[in-house]
N, C-alpha and C. Protein backbone atom coordinates (compact mmCIF):
# COMPACT_ATOMS: atom_id res chain seq x y z
N MET A 1 -10.57 19.88 -20.76
CA MET A 1 -9.63 19.93 -20.61
C MET A 1 -8.34 19.15 -20.38
N THR A 2 -7.60 18.55 -20.59
CA THR A 2 -6.42 17.75 -19.67
C THR A 2 -5.82 18.29 -18.54
N VAL A 3 -5.31 17.46 -17.98
CA VAL A 3 -4.73 17.70 -16.83
C VAL A 3 -3.24 18.68 -17.14
N ALA A 4 -2.69 18.14 -18.34
CA ALA A 4 -1.31 18.73 -18.42
C ALA A 4 -1.68 20.38 -19.16
N THR A 5 -2.59 20.14 -19.78
CA THR A 5 -3.35 22.02 -20.36
C THR A 5 -3.07 22.14 -19.27
N LEU A 6 -3.99 22.10 -17.92
CA LEU A 6 -4.78 22.90 -16.80
C LEU A 6 -3.46 23.12 -16.15
N ARG A 7 -2.38 22.39 -16.01
CA ARG A 7 -1.10 22.74 -15.60
C ARG A 7 -0.62 23.79 -15.97
N THR A 8 0.14 23.90 -17.17
CA THR A 8 0.10 24.75 -18.46
C THR A 8 -0.57 25.78 -17.81
N GLU A 9 -1.94 25.54 -17.93
CA GLU A 9 -2.31 27.20 -18.15
C GLU A 9 -2.28 28.08 -16.80
N LEU A 10 -2.08 27.00 -15.63
CA LEU A 10 -1.73 27.96 -14.35
C LEU A 10 -0.01 28.38 -13.95
N HIS A 11 0.70 27.40 -14.70
CA HIS A 11 1.71 28.28 -14.78
C HIS A 11 1.73 29.27 -15.46
N GLY A 12 1.15 29.12 -15.92
CA GLY A 12 1.13 30.73 -16.55
C GLY A 12 0.50 32.21 -16.01
N ILE A 13 -0.39 31.37 -15.68
CA ILE A 13 -1.22 32.44 -14.47
C ILE A 13 -0.37 32.72 -13.13
N MET A 14 0.42 31.65 -12.61
CA MET A 14 1.28 31.93 -11.82
C MET A 14 2.49 33.40 -12.27
N ASP A 15 2.95 33.10 -13.40
CA ASP A 15 3.93 33.85 -14.14
C ASP A 15 3.19 35.37 -14.63
N ALA A 16 2.07 35.07 -14.63
CA ALA A 16 1.46 36.79 -14.69
C ALA A 16 1.37 37.03 -13.37
N ILE A 17 1.36 36.93 -12.41
CA ILE A 17 0.80 37.07 -10.64
C ILE A 17 2.07 38.12 -10.71
N PRO A 18 1.25 39.30 -10.04
CA PRO A 18 2.48 40.41 -9.63
C PRO A 18 3.67 39.71 -8.82
N ASP A 19 4.67 40.14 -8.65
CA ASP A 19 5.31 39.88 -7.33
C ASP A 19 4.50 40.02 -5.55
N ARG A 20 4.14 41.28 -5.39
CA ARG A 20 4.00 41.38 -4.68
C ARG A 20 2.58 40.27 -4.13
N SER A 21 1.83 39.93 -4.75
CA SER A 21 0.79 39.04 -4.52
C SER A 21 1.52 37.84 -4.09
N LEU A 22 2.27 36.96 -4.54
CA LEU A 22 2.52 36.23 -4.04
C LEU A 22 2.85 35.54 -2.92
N PRO A 23 3.26 36.33 -2.21
CA PRO A 23 3.23 35.83 -0.20
C PRO A 23 1.43 35.68 -0.08
N ALA A 24 1.35 36.13 -0.35
CA ALA A 24 -0.52 35.65 -0.03
C ALA A 24 -1.20 34.73 -0.53
N LEU A 25 -0.78 34.33 -2.18
CA LEU A 25 -1.05 33.11 -2.93
C LEU A 25 0.07 31.81 -2.14
N LYS A 26 1.13 32.26 -1.13
CA LYS A 26 1.64 30.78 -0.97
C LYS A 26 1.46 29.70 0.03
N PRO A 27 0.22 30.32 1.22
CA PRO A 27 -0.51 29.52 1.93
C PRO A 27 -1.80 28.61 1.38
N LEU A 28 -2.21 29.70 0.56
CA LEU A 28 -3.31 28.43 -0.44
C LEU A 28 -2.68 27.49 -1.01
N LEU A 29 -1.49 27.52 -1.86
CA LEU A 29 -1.12 26.32 -2.19
C LEU A 29 -0.27 25.38 -1.94
N THR A 30 0.03 26.06 -0.16
CA THR A 30 1.21 24.70 0.30
C THR A 30 -0.36 23.80 1.02
N HIS A 31 -1.35 25.10 0.98
CA HIS A 31 -3.02 24.18 1.47
C HIS A 31 -2.98 23.09 0.53
N LEU A 32 -3.56 23.47 -0.75
CA LEU A 32 -3.79 22.65 -2.00
C LEU A 32 -2.76 21.23 -1.99
N ALA A 33 -1.64 21.39 -1.70
CA ALA A 33 -0.88 20.46 -2.48
C ALA A 33 -0.29 19.90 -1.28
N GLU A 34 -0.53 20.09 0.52
CA GLU A 34 -0.62 19.21 1.55
C GLU A 34 -0.69 17.89 1.12
N ASP A 35 -1.34 17.49 0.70
CA ASP A 35 -1.76 15.86 0.31
C ASP A 35 -1.01 15.34 -0.62
N TYR A 36 -0.74 15.86 -1.50
CA TYR A 36 0.54 15.09 -2.50
C TYR A 36 1.33 14.90 -1.57
N TRP A 37 2.14 15.65 -0.25
CA TRP A 37 2.95 15.15 0.16
C TRP A 37 2.50 14.33 1.23
N LYS A 38 1.57 13.95 1.65
CA LYS A 38 1.46 12.79 2.85
C LYS A 38 0.45 11.59 2.22
N PRO A 39 1.19 10.58 1.63
CA PRO A 39 0.92 9.56 0.58
C PRO A 39 0.11 8.74 1.77
N VAL A 40 -0.93 8.22 1.29
CA VAL A 40 -1.59 7.13 2.12
C VAL A 40 -0.98 5.94 2.14
N ILE A 41 -0.53 5.10 3.48
CA ILE A 41 0.24 4.30 3.03
C ILE A 41 -0.48 3.02 4.19
N GLU A 42 -1.40 1.89 3.35
CA GLU A 42 -1.91 1.33 3.83
C GLU A 42 -0.95 -0.09 3.88
N PRO A 43 -1.60 -0.90 5.26
CA PRO A 43 -1.37 -2.02 5.29
C PRO A 43 -1.17 -3.20 4.26
N ALA A 44 0.39 -4.08 4.50
CA ALA A 44 0.46 -4.65 2.63
C ALA A 44 -1.08 -5.86 3.18
N SER A 45 -1.13 -6.24 1.65
CA SER A 45 -2.58 -7.31 1.83
C SER A 45 -1.90 -9.23 2.29
N PRO A 46 -2.64 -9.75 2.07
CA PRO A 46 -2.10 -11.09 2.56
C PRO A 46 -1.32 -11.30 1.29
N GLU A 47 -0.84 -11.00 -0.14
CA GLU A 47 -0.83 -11.69 -1.33
C GLU A 47 0.96 -11.04 -0.88
N GLU A 48 0.12 -9.62 -0.36
CA GLU A 48 1.91 -8.98 -0.51
C GLU A 48 3.10 -9.14 0.46
N ILE A 49 2.44 -9.65 2.06
CA ILE A 49 2.82 -10.20 2.98
C ILE A 49 3.83 -11.88 2.30
N ALA A 50 3.05 -12.33 1.58
CA ALA A 50 2.94 -13.37 1.33
C ALA A 50 4.36 -13.30 0.23
N MET A 51 4.66 -12.29 -0.61
CA MET A 51 5.71 -11.79 -1.71
C MET A 51 6.43 -11.54 -0.55
N ILE A 52 6.69 -10.41 0.25
CA ILE A 52 7.63 -10.01 1.25
C ILE A 52 8.33 -11.34 1.87
N GLU A 53 7.90 -12.15 2.60
CA GLU A 53 8.19 -13.47 3.04
C GLU A 53 8.76 -14.38 2.29
N GLU A 54 7.97 -14.86 0.66
CA GLU A 54 8.87 -15.64 -0.05
C GLU A 54 10.31 -14.96 -0.48
N GLY A 55 10.43 -13.77 -0.38
CA GLY A 55 11.67 -12.75 -0.60
C GLY A 55 12.28 -13.01 0.22
N MET A 56 12.51 -12.71 1.54
CA MET A 56 13.18 -13.33 2.70
C MET A 56 13.45 -14.47 3.14
N ALA A 57 12.33 -15.78 2.61
CA ALA A 57 13.24 -16.24 2.76
C ALA A 57 14.07 -16.93 1.61
N ASP A 58 14.09 -16.44 0.71
CA ASP A 58 14.41 -17.03 -0.62
C ASP A 58 16.26 -16.52 -0.72
N TYR A 59 16.37 -15.10 0.17
CA TYR A 59 17.34 -14.48 0.54
C TYR A 59 18.58 -15.24 1.62
N ARG A 60 17.58 -15.91 2.15
CA ARG A 60 18.84 -16.47 3.62
C ARG A 60 18.80 -17.65 2.99
N ARG A 61 18.59 -18.60 1.87
CA ARG A 61 18.70 -19.87 1.35
C ARG A 61 19.83 -19.24 0.92
N HIS A 62 20.15 -18.27 -0.41
CA HIS A 62 20.85 -17.56 -1.62
C HIS A 62 21.01 -16.42 -0.72
N PRO A 63 21.92 -15.73 -0.25
CA PRO A 63 22.41 -14.56 0.14
C PRO A 63 23.35 -14.32 -1.37
N GLU A 64 23.92 -14.90 -1.70
CA GLU A 64 24.99 -14.90 -3.05
C GLU A 64 23.75 -14.40 -4.25
N SER A 65 22.98 -14.43 -4.14
CA SER A 65 22.17 -14.71 -5.26
C SER A 65 21.92 -12.88 -5.30
N TRP A 66 21.60 -12.37 -4.26
CA TRP A 66 21.05 -10.82 -4.36
C TRP A 66 22.04 -10.03 -4.39
N VAL A 67 21.84 -8.54 -4.84
CA VAL A 67 22.26 -7.82 -5.64
C VAL A 67 22.67 -6.55 -4.19
N SER A 68 23.06 -6.32 -3.59
CA SER A 68 23.13 -5.26 -2.95
C SER A 68 22.57 -3.74 -3.65
N LEU A 69 21.47 -2.87 -2.36
CA LEU A 69 21.37 -1.25 -3.33
C LEU A 69 22.71 -1.00 -3.55
N GLU A 70 23.91 -0.89 -2.88
CA GLU A 70 25.21 -0.31 -2.78
C GLU A 70 25.63 -0.36 -4.41
N ASP A 71 25.34 -2.16 -4.20
CA ASP A 71 26.61 -2.14 -6.15
C ASP A 71 25.10 -2.24 -6.82
N ALA A 72 24.14 -2.32 -6.57
CA ALA A 72 23.24 -1.73 -7.77
C ALA A 72 23.09 -0.56 -8.40
N SER A 73 23.45 0.11 -7.67
CA SER A 73 23.37 1.90 -8.12
C SER A 73 24.75 2.04 -8.63
N ASP A 74 26.00 1.11 -8.95
CA ASP A 74 27.24 1.48 -9.80
C ASP A 74 26.76 0.90 -11.25
């Protein structure tokens, strides 16, 4: 069974649960979903650090060649 199929099946089950039972399920579902909202942020690798430092140096040399987030969202 694919993850998409399983999610569809679980959504169907949720829709079939009586309203009076939903408050009992909320703590369990919240607990199961907690890991999703707590991503593991690992330290940058030496290669990633080098890429960041290279980008920062490029910005210092040629700031006019960069686009601000404000301008990029237009």
